[in-house]
Protein backbone atom coordinates (compact mmCIF):
# COMPACT_ATOMS: atom_id res chain seq x y z
CA MET A 1 67.47 -4.59 -23.46
CA SER A 2 69.73 -4.04 -26.45
CA LEU A 3 68.72 -3.81 -29.96
CA SER A 4 70.46 -5.90 -32.81
CA ARG A 5 69.72 -5.96 -37.09
CA ILE A 6 69.47 -9.22 -39.53
CA HIS A 7 70.10 -8.81 -43.30
CA TRP A 8 69.14 -11.11 -46.03
CA ARG A 9 69.88 -9.86 -49.24
CA TYR A 10 68.12 -12.05 -52.02
CA TRP A 11 68.26 -10.66 -56.14
CA GLY A 12 69.83 -7.37 -55.42
CA HIS A 13 67.50 -6.62 -52.30
CA THR A 14 68.33 -5.78 -48.78
CA LEU A 15 65.70 -6.84 -45.86
CA THR A 16 66.46 -5.80 -42.54
CA VAL A 17 64.73 -6.43 -39.16
CA GLN A 18 65.51 -4.73 -35.99
CA ILE A 19 65.56 -7.61 -33.00
CA ARG A 20 65.29 -6.49 -29.50
CA LYS A 21 67.66 -8.51 -27.49
CA GLU A 22 66.40 -9.25 -24.16
CA ARG A 23 67.71 -11.17 -20.73
CA GLY A 24 66.04 -13.41 -18.85
CA ASP A 25 62.42 -14.79 -18.89
CA ALA A 26 61.75 -12.01 -21.92
CA ALA A 27 64.53 -13.41 -23.76
CA ALA A 28 63.19 -16.77 -24.06
CA GLU A 29 59.97 -15.72 -24.92
CA GLU A 30 61.69 -14.00 -27.74
CA LYS A 31 63.60 -16.67 -29.50
CA PRO A 32 60.40 -18.49 -31.16
CA ARG A 33 59.31 -15.11 -32.12
CA LEU A 34 62.80 -14.81 -34.06
CA THR A 35 62.85 -18.16 -35.12
CA LYS A 36 59.21 -17.89 -36.60
CA LEU A 37 60.61 -14.39 -38.41
CA ARG A 38 63.88 -16.40 -39.84
CA ARG A 39 61.28 -19.20 -41.07
CA ASP A 40 59.29 -16.23 -42.79
CA CYS A 41 61.99 -14.44 -44.56
CA GLN A 42 63.44 -17.24 -45.61
CA SER A 43 60.07 -18.39 -47.08
CA ILE A 44 59.71 -14.59 -48.49
CA THR A 45 63.01 -14.89 -50.40
CA GLU A 46 62.10 -18.27 -51.71
CA GLN A 47 59.15 -17.03 -52.98
CA VAL A 48 60.53 -13.77 -54.43
CA SER A 49 63.14 -15.75 -56.33
CA LEU A 50 60.24 -18.21 -57.86
CA LEU A 51 58.49 -14.96 -58.90
CA HIS A 52 61.28 -13.54 -60.57
CA VAL A 53 61.78 -16.97 -62.43
CA GLU A 54 58.25 -16.69 -63.41
CA LEU A 55 58.25 -13.45 -64.69
CA ASP A 56 61.14 -14.04 -66.75
CA GLU A 57 59.89 -17.44 -67.93
CA LYS A 58 56.21 -16.85 -68.23
CA GLN A 59 55.33 -13.45 -67.67
CA SER A 60 52.66 -14.10 -65.12
CA ILE A 61 52.32 -14.12 -61.51
CA ALA A 62 50.26 -17.54 -60.40
CA SER A 63 53.09 -18.73 -58.23
CA LEU A 64 52.22 -15.96 -55.68
CA LEU A 65 49.08 -16.03 -55.52
CA GLN A 66 49.51 -19.90 -54.40
CA ALA A 67 51.83 -18.79 -52.54
CA SER A 68 49.70 -16.52 -50.81
CA GLU A 69 46.37 -18.77 -50.89
CA GLU A 70 48.89 -21.33 -48.78
CA GLU A 71 49.95 -18.55 -46.64
CA GLU A 72 46.21 -17.85 -45.74
CA GLN A 73 45.90 -21.31 -45.63
CA LYS A 74 48.30 -22.29 -43.03
CA GLU A 75 47.44 -19.01 -40.86
CA ARG A 76 43.65 -20.43 -40.79
CA ASP A 77 45.04 -23.71 -39.47
CA GLU A 78 47.35 -21.94 -36.95
CA GLU A 79 44.22 -19.80 -35.80
CA MET A 80 42.41 -23.29 -35.49
CA GLY A 81 45.13 -24.75 -33.75
CA ARG A 82 45.60 -21.73 -31.43
CA GLU A 83 41.95 -21.52 -30.99
CA ALA A 84 42.01 -25.44 -29.82
CA GLU A 85 45.04 -24.78 -27.49
CA LYS A 86 42.71 -22.32 -25.79
CA GLU A 87 40.27 -24.64 -26.00
CA MET A 88 42.15 -27.38 -24.34
CA GLU A 89 43.71 -24.88 -21.65
CA GLN A 90 40.15 -23.90 -20.67
CA ARG A 91 39.17 -27.78 -20.26
CA LYS A 92 42.01 -28.22 -18.66
CA GLN A 93 41.22 -25.64 -16.37
CA THR A 94 38.05 -26.47 -15.76
CA LEU A 95 38.90 -30.32 -14.92
CA ARG A 96 41.74 -28.26 -12.49
CA ARG A 97 38.93 -27.03 -11.17
CA GLU A 98 36.73 -29.93 -10.74
CA CYS A 99 39.27 -31.86 -9.16
CA GLU A 100 40.08 -29.20 -6.88
CA GLU A 101 36.37 -29.12 -5.94
CA ILE A 102 36.53 -33.07 -5.74
CA LEU A 103 39.47 -33.04 -3.04
CA GLU A 104 37.48 -30.31 -1.28
CA LYS A 105 34.64 -32.67 -1.43
CA LYS A 106 36.77 -35.30 0.29
CA GLU A 107 38.09 -33.41 2.33
CA LYS A 108 34.76 -32.70 3.61
CA LEU A 109 33.53 -36.37 3.57
CA GLN A 110 36.46 -37.21 5.99
CA ASP A 111 35.41 -34.96 8.29
CA LEU A 112 32.01 -35.40 8.12
CA ILE A 113 32.98 -39.25 8.88
CA LEU A 114 35.41 -38.26 11.70
CA GLN A 115 32.10 -36.06 13.20
CA ALA A 116 30.11 -39.27 12.56
CA ARG A 117 32.11 -41.41 14.37
CA ASP A 118 32.39 -38.93 17.15
CA LEU A 119 28.45 -38.94 17.04
CA GLN A 120 28.46 -42.41 17.59
CA ASP A 121 30.61 -42.70 20.24
CA LYS A 122 28.64 -39.64 22.43
CA MET A 123 25.51 -42.20 21.44
CA ASP A 124 27.11 -44.73 22.68
CA ASP A 125 27.90 -42.53 25.84
CA LEU A 126 24.26 -41.62 26.10
CA SER A 127 22.59 -44.90 25.38
CA SER A 128 24.75 -45.99 28.49
CA LYS A 129 23.66 -43.38 30.59
CA VAL A 130 20.08 -43.32 29.76
CA ALA A 131 20.70 -47.20 30.87
CA GLN A 132 21.53 -46.46 34.07
CA ARG A 133 19.16 -43.53 34.62
CA LYS A 134 16.57 -45.82 33.35
CA LYS A 135 17.37 -48.24 36.04
CA LEU A 136 17.66 -45.54 38.92
CA GLU A 137 14.01 -44.41 37.95
CA GLU A 138 12.46 -47.60 38.09
CA LYS A 139 13.87 -48.17 41.34
CA ASN A 140 12.52 -44.55 42.30
CA LEU A 141 9.16 -45.20 40.76
CA GLU A 142 9.27 -48.67 42.89
CA LEU A 143 9.81 -46.86 46.19
CA GLN A 144 7.05 -44.15 45.33
CA LEU A 145 4.66 -46.88 44.39
CA GLN A 146 5.02 -48.32 47.79
CA GLN A 147 4.81 -44.97 49.26
CA THR A 148 1.49 -44.15 47.64
CA GLN A 149 0.38 -47.40 48.37
CA ARG A 150 0.61 -46.55 52.01
CA GLU A 151 -0.69 -43.17 51.43
CA SER A 152 -3.49 -44.64 49.68
CA SER A 153 -4.47 -46.91 52.41
CA GLN A 154 -4.02 -44.35 54.90
CA SER A 155 -6.25 -41.50 52.62
CA LYS A 156 -8.98 -44.63 52.11
CA GLN A 157 -9.35 -44.64 55.96
CA LEU A 158 -9.98 -41.22 56.13
CA LEU A 159 -12.58 -41.43 53.21
CA GLU A 160 -13.86 -44.12 54.75
CA ASP A 161 -14.55 -41.58 58.05
CA GLU A 162 -15.48 -38.76 55.75
CA GLN A 163 -18.31 -40.61 53.95
CA GLU A 164 -19.94 -42.14 57.30
CA LEU A 165 -19.69 -38.09 58.05
CA LEU A 166 -21.46 -37.15 54.87
CA GLN A 167 -24.26 -39.77 55.31
CA THR A 168 -24.94 -38.47 58.80
CA GLN A 169 -25.19 -34.88 57.47
CA MET A 170 -27.23 -35.99 53.82
CA LYS A 171 -29.40 -37.27 56.39
CA ALA A 172 -29.89 -34.10 58.38
CA GLU A 173 -30.16 -31.78 55.00
CA ILE A 174 -33.03 -34.35 53.45
CA ARG A 175 -34.91 -33.46 57.08
CA VAL A 176 -34.76 -30.13 56.47
CA HIS A 177 -34.91 -30.26 52.69
CA GLU A 178 -38.22 -31.71 53.44
CA GLU A 179 -39.59 -29.70 55.68
CA SER A 180 -38.23 -26.86 53.65
CA GLU A 181 -40.26 -27.97 50.65
CA LYS A 182 -43.27 -27.90 52.84
CA PHE A 183 -43.06 -24.67 53.68
CA LEU A 184 -42.57 -23.42 50.41
CA GLN A 185 -45.45 -25.35 48.67
CA SER A 186 -47.86 -24.02 51.51
CA ARG A 187 -46.12 -20.61 50.52
CA ASN A 188 -46.55 -20.89 46.77
CA GLU A 189 -50.49 -21.63 46.93
CA GLU A 190 -50.65 -18.63 49.06
CA VAL A 191 -48.68 -16.61 46.53
CA GLN A 192 -50.73 -18.25 43.54
CA GLN A 193 -53.76 -17.08 45.46
CA GLN A 194 -52.82 -13.38 45.62
CA LEU A 195 -51.20 -13.59 41.89
CA ASP A 196 -54.75 -14.84 40.99
CA GLN A 197 -56.17 -11.57 43.17
CA TRP A 198 -53.32 -9.41 41.16
CA GLN A 199 -54.40 -10.37 38.03
CA GLN A 200 -57.96 -9.71 38.25
CA LEU A 201 -57.40 -6.37 39.64
CA THR A 202 -54.62 -5.62 36.25
CA LYS A 203 -57.87 -7.03 34.12
CA GLN A 204 -60.11 -4.19 35.65
CA MET A 205 -57.68 -1.63 35.65
CA LEU A 206 -56.93 -2.48 31.83
CA GLN A 207 -60.57 -1.90 31.06
CA GLU A 208 -60.69 0.93 32.98
CA THR A 209 -57.65 2.44 31.45
CA GLU A 210 -59.00 1.21 27.80
CA GLN A 211 -62.17 2.91 28.07
CA ARG A 212 -60.74 6.33 29.15
CA LEU A 213 -57.97 6.21 26.61
CA ASN A 214 -61.02 5.30 24.20
CA SER A 215 -62.77 8.52 25.39
CA GLU A 216 -59.52 10.29 25.35
CA SER A 217 -59.05 9.18 21.48
CA CYS A 218 -62.62 10.77 20.66
CA LYS A 219 -62.41 13.64 22.39
CA ARG A 220 -58.47 13.81 20.64
CA THR A 221 -60.44 13.74 17.24
CA VAL A 222 -63.56 16.15 18.02
CA ASN A 223 -60.01 18.73 19.19
CA LEU A 224 -58.16 17.91 15.81
CA ASP A 225 -61.21 18.58 13.74
CA ARG A 226 -62.09 21.55 15.77
CA LEU A 227 -58.42 22.52 15.67
CA MET A 228 -57.88 22.34 11.91
CA GLU A 229 -60.95 24.14 11.36
CA MET A 230 -59.57 27.15 13.18
CA LYS A 231 -56.15 27.06 11.26
CA ARG A 232 -58.29 27.13 7.99
CA LYS A 233 -60.05 30.23 9.23
CA TYR A 234 -57.19 31.86 10.14
CA ARG A 235 -55.34 31.34 7.05
CA GLU A 236 -58.47 32.60 5.39
CA MET A 237 -58.10 35.64 7.66
CA GLU A 238 -54.44 35.99 7.18
CA GLN A 239 -54.65 36.00 3.87
CA VAL A 240 -57.87 38.77 4.21
CA VAL A 241 -55.21 40.45 6.01
CA MET A 242 -52.40 39.85 3.83
CA GLU A 243 -54.55 41.85 0.59
CA ASP A 244 -55.65 44.68 3.07
CA ARG A 245 -51.80 44.94 3.50
CA GLU A 246 -50.93 45.37 0.12
CA GLU A 247 -53.82 47.45 -0.71
CA GLN A 248 -52.67 49.75 1.79
CA GLU A 249 -49.31 49.43 0.75
CA LYS A 250 -50.09 50.12 -2.72
CA LEU A 251 -52.46 52.97 -2.03
CA ARG A 252 -49.92 54.62 0.36
CA GLN A 253 -47.24 54.26 -2.45
CA GLU A 254 -49.55 56.11 -5.18
CA GLN A 255 -50.16 58.90 -2.25
CA ALA A 256 -46.31 59.41 -2.04
CA LYS A 257 -45.78 58.98 -5.58
CA ALA A 258 -48.37 61.79 -6.06
CA ARG A 259 -47.22 64.11 -3.11
CA ALA A 260 -43.75 63.61 -5.13
CA ALA A 261 -44.76 64.97 -8.41
CA THR A 262 -47.03 67.66 -7.04
CA LYS A 263 -43.33 68.21 -5.71
CA VAL A 264 -41.82 68.63 -8.58
CA GLN A 265 -44.35 70.50 -10.58
CA ALA A 266 -44.30 73.23 -8.48
CA TRP A 267 -40.21 73.22 -7.94
CA TRP A 268 -40.17 72.89 -12.08
CA ARG A 269 -43.28 76.20 -11.98
CA GLY A 270 -41.33 78.06 -9.47
CA CYS A 271 -37.76 77.59 -11.76
CA MET A 272 -39.89 78.77 -15.13
CA VAL A 273 -41.11 81.94 -13.07
CA ARG A 274 -37.98 83.05 -11.32
CA ARG A 275 -35.68 82.03 -14.80
CA CYS A 276 -38.95 83.83 -17.53
CA LEU A 277 -38.82 80.43 -19.40
CA GLY A 278 -41.96 79.16 -21.62
CA SER A 279 -45.33 81.01 -21.27
CA PHE A 280 -43.93 82.99 -18.32
CA LYS A 281 -41.43 85.14 -20.49
CA LYS A 282 -44.20 86.56 -22.20
CA LYS A 283 -46.19 87.65 -19.01
CA GLU A 284 -43.07 89.22 -18.04
CA GLU A 285 -42.22 91.27 -20.93
CA ASN A 286 -45.90 92.67 -20.77
CA LYS A 287 -45.62 93.71 -17.03
CA LYS A 288 -42.26 94.87 -17.99
CA GLY A 289 -44.28 96.89 -20.97
CA LYS A 290 -47.37 98.03 -18.60
CA LYS A 291 -44.02 99.53 -16.18
CA LYS A 292 -42.86 101.74 -18.76
CA LYS A 293 -45.59 103.04 -19.84
CA LYS A 294 -46.81 104.54 -16.71
CA GLU A 295 -43.45 105.33 -16.11
CA GLY A 296 -43.78 108.06 -19.29
CA LYS A 297 -47.05 109.06 -18.24
CA LYS A 298 -45.41 110.22 -14.79
CA LYS A 299 -43.33 111.95 -16.34
CA LYS A 300 -45.47 113.99 -18.67
CA LYS A 301 -47.11 115.19 -15.98
């Protein structure tokens, strides 16, 4: 990569542009940028020349404003063109993707057609095999039917023999059943008589038990009345006993308080006497005065 500079001169001014020269694909991409840059420089030189002339003649910059507006319009048009190109490119890409999907679907459809053909061939083979198997099964069924017919004829003969045997056994069972029925009827009559007797006995026993229950219930009511009366008397006596106990307890407490009071009073009186307090102090002074007088008399004698 190398650098080059391009100079444009207009109305005594010089515009210098530094350009990178690259090789390969980068150089190919750089060419349109250079051509655009040359066009921009040429348009700038033209606008500057027109502006210089207009300043000399009219003392205004209307051409510069108009050129700027035209340039902005060109830029907007170019921007719209670029957006349209981008949108077209996106549409092309979407169309390419849709085409690829359609091709994939066509390939899948072809695969499905091939699979359907294979399945059709397999179905034909299976139908032929099924038909052969069906013929074999029909033959087997015919043979089995013939065999079952033979077996059925044999079994029919056996059943007829068994039927005769069962008829003889049934006659014997009927005779035994009639004899047992007669026996059971006679036995039933005897049991019915015994049942009547037991019913009468049970009725008598029930009557006796009812009488006993009535008498016991009467006794129970009398005993309950007595019990309630005794409970009432017991409660009254218990209340009297409790009142007596309370009175005794109060009396005991009062006696204890009196004994305690007398003990306290005796202790206090002893303390007063020992320490000569209160009324006991005067008595002690009198005793001491009397003692001194007696001692003085003794000394005089």
